[in-house]
Amino acid sequence: MFLNPALSAALDRISERADDVRRAFTPGSVARYNDVATARPASDFTLDPLAVSAADDLYFVTHNQRGEVGYTRDGSFVLRYGRLLDDEGEPVRGFASAGSDLSDLRIDAVDEALGRANDPHIERDGSFVYERVTVDPRSGLRKTQRVVAGRVALARFPAGTRLATADGSRSIPPAGVQPQLGIPGDVNFPALRPMQRERSRIDLDESLARLKDAYIAFDALRAAEQAKAHLGKTAMDLVK
């Protein structure tokens, strides 16, 4: 059985509205429809030292296994096998040192292998920091050294740029639009807010109301189609 275009579009609208409801629980997520978007983002305190939030118009930079660059507002980062990853498991990009090219952020491979990287965290200026603990083999004295593995990159797009998103978290700009890249705390980019997890940019109550409206619209269309089919059958019976 095939649905007519109107019913098919109504079902698509229900699916899209349901996506916005689910995204309301995802940190940093953005809405598909502007009518359920919150006016300004907000964040909550967390004890996670790798969680950060950025100013309103800024994005963190990631890339997937295919090398495709993405941008996200979700600063709920994790450390796995020495690599700084976003909540989707994609590498977080930044600058390993001043003047270096954009690259994946990670702690020193030797420190990771020897298990001597402690207390990883991200600071206001985007520094991805950990403590290197070593033991002098002759004296047995422990030595702690602060190590900066790099600084998290930020991206800003031209005013009015509408980023596309399939999952509400990872976003991509229109073709040909390139962001301005920088680091937190410099002249053009505000500092990060450490130990803050950004809330979703979706109003849950409003998105639920819009989902309900989408269901009502579908039911109305379906009832109209059924009535139309019934009238058609009645007309055919009268002809016979």
Protein backbone atom coordinates (compact mmCIF):
# COMPACT_ATOMS: atom_id res chain seq x y z
CA MET A 1 0.00 0.00 0.00
CA PHE A 2 1.37 3.39 -1.06
CA LEU A 3 0.65 6.64 0.75
CA ASN A 4 -0.21 9.72 -1.23
CA PRO A 5 2.32 12.59 -1.10
CA ALA A 6 0.36 14.55 1.53
CA LEU A 7 0.23 11.64 4.00
CA SER A 8 3.87 10.79 3.33
CA ALA A 9 4.90 14.38 4.04
CA ALA A 10 2.83 14.37 7.24
CA LEU A 11 4.61 11.22 8.42
CA ASP A 12 7.98 12.82 7.64
CA ARG A 13 6.96 15.84 9.70
CA ILE A 14 6.10 13.57 12.66
CA SER A 15 9.54 11.91 12.40
CA GLU A 16 11.31 15.27 12.27
CA ARG A 17 9.34 16.64 15.21
CA ALA A 18 10.13 13.47 17.19
CA ASP A 19 13.83 14.02 16.40
CA ASP A 20 13.64 17.48 17.97
CA VAL A 21 12.07 15.98 21.11
CA ARG A 22 14.90 13.45 21.42
CA ARG A 23 17.52 16.12 20.80
CA ALA A 24 16.16 18.13 23.72
CA PHE A 25 18.05 15.71 25.98
CA THR A 26 21.38 15.98 24.10
CA PRO A 27 23.87 18.59 25.38
CA GLY A 28 24.56 21.33 22.86
CA SER A 29 22.08 20.01 20.31
CA VAL A 30 20.25 22.33 17.92
CA ALA A 31 16.69 22.10 16.65
CA ARG A 32 15.64 21.22 13.13
CA TYR A 33 12.79 23.74 13.41
CA ASN A 34 13.31 27.27 14.70
CA ASP A 35 9.89 27.35 16.37
CA VAL A 36 11.16 25.02 19.14
CA ALA A 37 14.60 26.61 19.55
CA THR A 38 15.48 28.36 22.79
CA ALA A 39 16.50 32.01 22.67
CA ARG A 40 19.94 31.57 24.24
CA PRO A 41 21.98 28.56 25.36
CA ALA A 42 22.47 27.74 29.00
CA SER A 43 24.84 25.41 30.81
CA ASP A 44 24.99 23.45 34.04
CA PHE A 45 27.88 22.83 36.42
CA THR A 46 29.44 19.37 36.25
CA LEU A 47 32.29 17.68 38.11
CA ASP A 48 33.67 16.44 34.77
CA PRO A 49 37.05 18.20 34.25
CA LEU A 50 36.91 17.54 30.49
CA ALA A 51 33.55 19.25 30.01
CA VAL A 52 33.53 22.83 28.71
CA SER A 53 31.06 25.20 27.12
CA ALA A 54 31.78 27.96 24.61
CA ALA A 55 30.29 31.35 23.86
CA ASP A 56 27.02 31.51 21.94
CA ASP A 57 28.32 31.71 18.35
CA LEU A 58 31.28 29.32 18.65
CA TYR A 59 31.73 25.66 17.76
CA PHE A 60 34.26 22.96 18.58
CA VAL A 61 35.92 21.23 15.63
CA THR A 62 35.84 17.44 15.09
CA HIS A 63 36.27 15.01 12.23
CA ASN A 64 35.07 11.47 11.57
CA GLN A 65 36.78 8.34 10.26
CA ARG A 66 36.22 9.48 6.68
CA GLY A 67 38.09 12.70 7.40
CA GLU A 68 34.96 14.83 7.18
CA VAL A 69 35.16 17.92 9.39
CA GLY A 70 32.22 18.64 11.68
CA TYR A 71 31.33 21.32 14.18
CA THR A 72 29.58 20.84 17.52
CA ARG A 73 28.41 22.88 20.48
CA ASP A 74 28.67 19.87 22.77
CA GLY A 75 31.83 20.17 24.87
CA SER A 76 31.24 16.94 26.81
CA PHE A 77 34.64 15.50 25.93
CA VAL A 78 36.14 12.17 26.98
CA LEU A 79 39.63 10.70 26.98
CA ARG A 80 40.07 7.28 25.36
CA TYR A 81 43.41 5.63 24.59
CA GLY A 82 45.09 8.99 25.03
CA ARG A 83 42.84 10.79 22.52
CA LEU A 84 40.43 13.62 23.29
CA LEU A 85 37.05 12.71 21.78
CA ASP A 86 33.61 14.27 21.65
CA ASP A 87 30.51 12.52 22.95
CA GLU A 88 30.05 10.80 19.57
CA GLY A 89 33.57 9.32 19.73
CA GLU A 90 35.02 11.66 17.11
CA PRO A 91 38.45 13.27 17.64
CA VAL A 92 38.51 16.84 18.93
CA ARG A 93 40.79 19.10 16.94
CA GLY A 94 43.11 21.80 18.19
CA PHE A 95 46.66 23.10 18.04
CA ALA A 96 49.45 21.06 19.61
CA SER A 97 51.66 24.14 19.90
CA ALA A 98 51.80 27.78 18.83
CA GLY A 99 51.96 28.04 15.06
CA SER A 100 51.16 24.37 14.45
CA ASP A 101 48.50 23.10 12.06
CA LEU A 102 45.11 21.90 13.18
CA SER A 103 45.34 18.32 14.44
CA ASP A 104 43.70 15.77 16.73
CA LEU A 105 44.41 16.44 20.39
CA ARG A 106 45.98 13.63 22.40
CA ILE A 107 48.34 13.11 25.30
CA ASP A 108 51.91 11.94 24.71
CA ALA A 109 51.93 8.33 23.47
CA VAL A 110 54.71 7.33 25.87
CA ASP A 111 52.89 8.86 28.84
CA GLU A 112 49.75 6.98 27.81
CA ALA A 113 51.59 3.68 27.43
CA LEU A 114 53.35 4.02 30.79
CA GLY A 115 50.21 5.19 32.59
CA ARG A 116 51.83 8.33 33.89
CA ALA A 117 49.26 10.89 32.67
CA ASN A 118 47.04 11.98 35.55
CA ASP A 119 44.30 14.56 36.13
CA PRO A 120 43.48 15.44 32.50
CA HIS A 121 41.39 18.60 32.22
CA ILE A 122 40.60 21.56 30.00
CA GLU A 123 41.26 25.12 31.13
CA ARG A 124 39.65 28.46 30.27
CA ASP A 125 42.12 29.18 27.46
CA GLY A 126 41.39 25.80 25.87
CA SER A 127 44.56 24.18 27.17
CA PHE A 128 44.26 20.39 27.29
CA VAL A 129 46.40 19.66 30.35
CA TYR A 130 47.51 16.65 32.35
CA GLU A 131 50.07 15.89 35.05
CA ARG A 132 53.03 13.70 34.14
CA VAL A 133 54.13 11.69 37.15
CA THR A 134 57.59 10.13 37.03
CA VAL A 135 59.70 8.32 39.60
CA ASP A 136 63.47 8.76 39.84
CA PRO A 137 64.85 5.18 39.65
CA ARG A 138 67.80 6.00 41.94
CA SER A 139 66.14 8.04 44.67
CA GLY A 140 62.57 6.80 44.34
CA LEU A 141 61.32 10.38 44.47
CA ARG A 142 58.13 11.17 42.58
CA LYS A 143 58.10 14.17 40.30
CA THR A 144 54.98 15.83 38.90
CA GLN A 145 55.17 17.94 35.77
CA ARG A 146 52.37 19.96 34.17
CA VAL A 147 52.04 19.09 30.48
CA VAL A 148 49.99 21.02 27.92
CA ALA A 149 49.04 18.58 25.17
CA GLY A 150 47.54 21.36 23.04
CA ARG A 151 44.74 23.89 22.90
CA VAL A 152 41.20 23.23 21.77
CA ALA A 153 40.25 24.96 18.50
CA LEU A 154 37.12 27.08 18.11
CA ALA A 155 35.25 27.97 14.93
CA ARG A 156 33.06 30.97 14.16
CA PHE A 157 30.94 31.25 11.02
CA PRO A 158 29.84 34.42 9.20
CA ALA A 159 26.72 36.01 10.66
CA GLY A 160 23.54 34.43 9.35
CA THR A 161 25.14 31.12 8.37
CA ARG A 162 22.67 28.25 8.75
CA LEU A 163 24.47 25.01 9.59
CA ALA A 164 22.86 21.72 8.60
CA THR A 165 22.62 18.85 11.05
CA ALA A 166 21.42 15.26 10.73
CA ASP A 167 21.56 14.32 14.41
CA GLY A 168 21.28 17.69 16.14
CA SER A 169 24.82 17.51 17.47
CA ARG A 170 27.32 17.45 14.59
CA SER A 171 26.79 20.32 12.16
CA ILE A 172 28.20 21.21 8.76
CA PRO A 173 28.14 24.58 6.97
CA PRO A 174 26.81 25.24 3.46
CA ALA A 175 29.18 24.48 0.59
CA GLY A 176 31.87 27.11 0.20
CA VAL A 177 31.43 28.61 3.67
CA GLN A 178 34.59 28.46 5.75
CA PRO A 179 34.79 29.34 9.46
CA GLN A 180 37.25 31.57 11.22
CA LEU A 181 39.40 29.36 13.45
CA GLY A 182 41.06 30.38 16.68
CA ILE A 183 41.73 29.49 20.28
CA PRO A 184 39.85 30.48 23.45
CA GLY A 185 40.97 33.61 25.22
CA ASP A 186 42.65 35.37 22.31
CA VAL A 187 41.52 38.69 20.84
CA ASN A 188 38.65 37.29 18.76
CA PHE A 189 37.47 34.31 20.82
CA PRO A 190 36.14 34.43 24.40
CA ALA A 191 37.47 32.01 27.01
CA LEU A 192 35.76 28.69 27.67
CA ARG A 193 33.72 27.88 30.77
CA PRO A 194 35.35 24.80 32.33
CA MET A 195 33.30 22.13 34.11
CA GLN A 196 30.13 23.34 32.38
CA ARG A 197 27.87 21.19 30.20
CA GLU A 198 25.74 23.11 27.73
CA ARG A 199 22.06 22.32 27.70
CA SER A 200 20.16 21.51 24.54
CA ARG A 201 19.03 24.50 22.49
CA ILE A 202 15.57 22.95 22.20
CA ASP A 203 12.52 23.83 24.29
CA LEU A 204 11.19 20.43 25.40
CA ASP A 205 7.63 21.59 26.17
CA GLU A 206 7.34 23.40 22.85
CA SER A 207 8.78 20.48 20.88
CA LEU A 208 6.30 18.08 22.51
CA ALA A 209 3.43 20.44 21.63
CA ARG A 210 4.60 20.63 18.01
CA LEU A 211 4.90 16.84 17.86
CA LYS A 212 1.31 16.55 19.09
CA ASP A 213 0.20 19.02 16.38
CA ALA A 214 1.98 16.91 13.76
CA TYR A 215 0.08 13.80 14.89
CA ILE A 216 -3.22 15.69 14.83
CA ALA A 217 -2.51 16.96 11.32
CA PHE A 218 -1.70 13.43 10.14
CA ASP A 219 -4.90 12.02 11.68
CA ALA A 220 -6.94 14.76 9.98
CA LEU A 221 -5.36 14.03 6.60
CA ARG A 222 -5.88 10.30 7.01
CA ALA A 223 -9.54 10.81 7.95
CA ALA A 224 -10.02 13.03 4.89
CA GLU A 225 -8.44 10.39 2.63
CA GLN A 226 -10.62 7.66 4.11
CA ALA A 227 -13.74 9.80 3.59
CA LYS A 228 -12.69 10.50 0.03
CA ALA A 229 -12.15 6.80 -0.64
CA HIS A 230 -15.52 5.95 0.91
CA LEU A 231 -17.31 8.53 -1.28
CA GLY A 232 -15.54 7.16 -4.33
CA LYS A 233 -16.69 3.64 -3.53
CA THR A 234 -20.25 4.84 -2.92
CA ALA A 235 -20.28 6.62 -6.27
CA MET A 236 -19.06 3.48 -8.05
CA ASP A 237 -21.74 1.39 -6.34
CA LEU A 238 -24.44 3.80 -7.50
CA VAL A 239 -23.15 3.64 -11.07
CA LYS A 240 -23.33 -0.14 -10.96
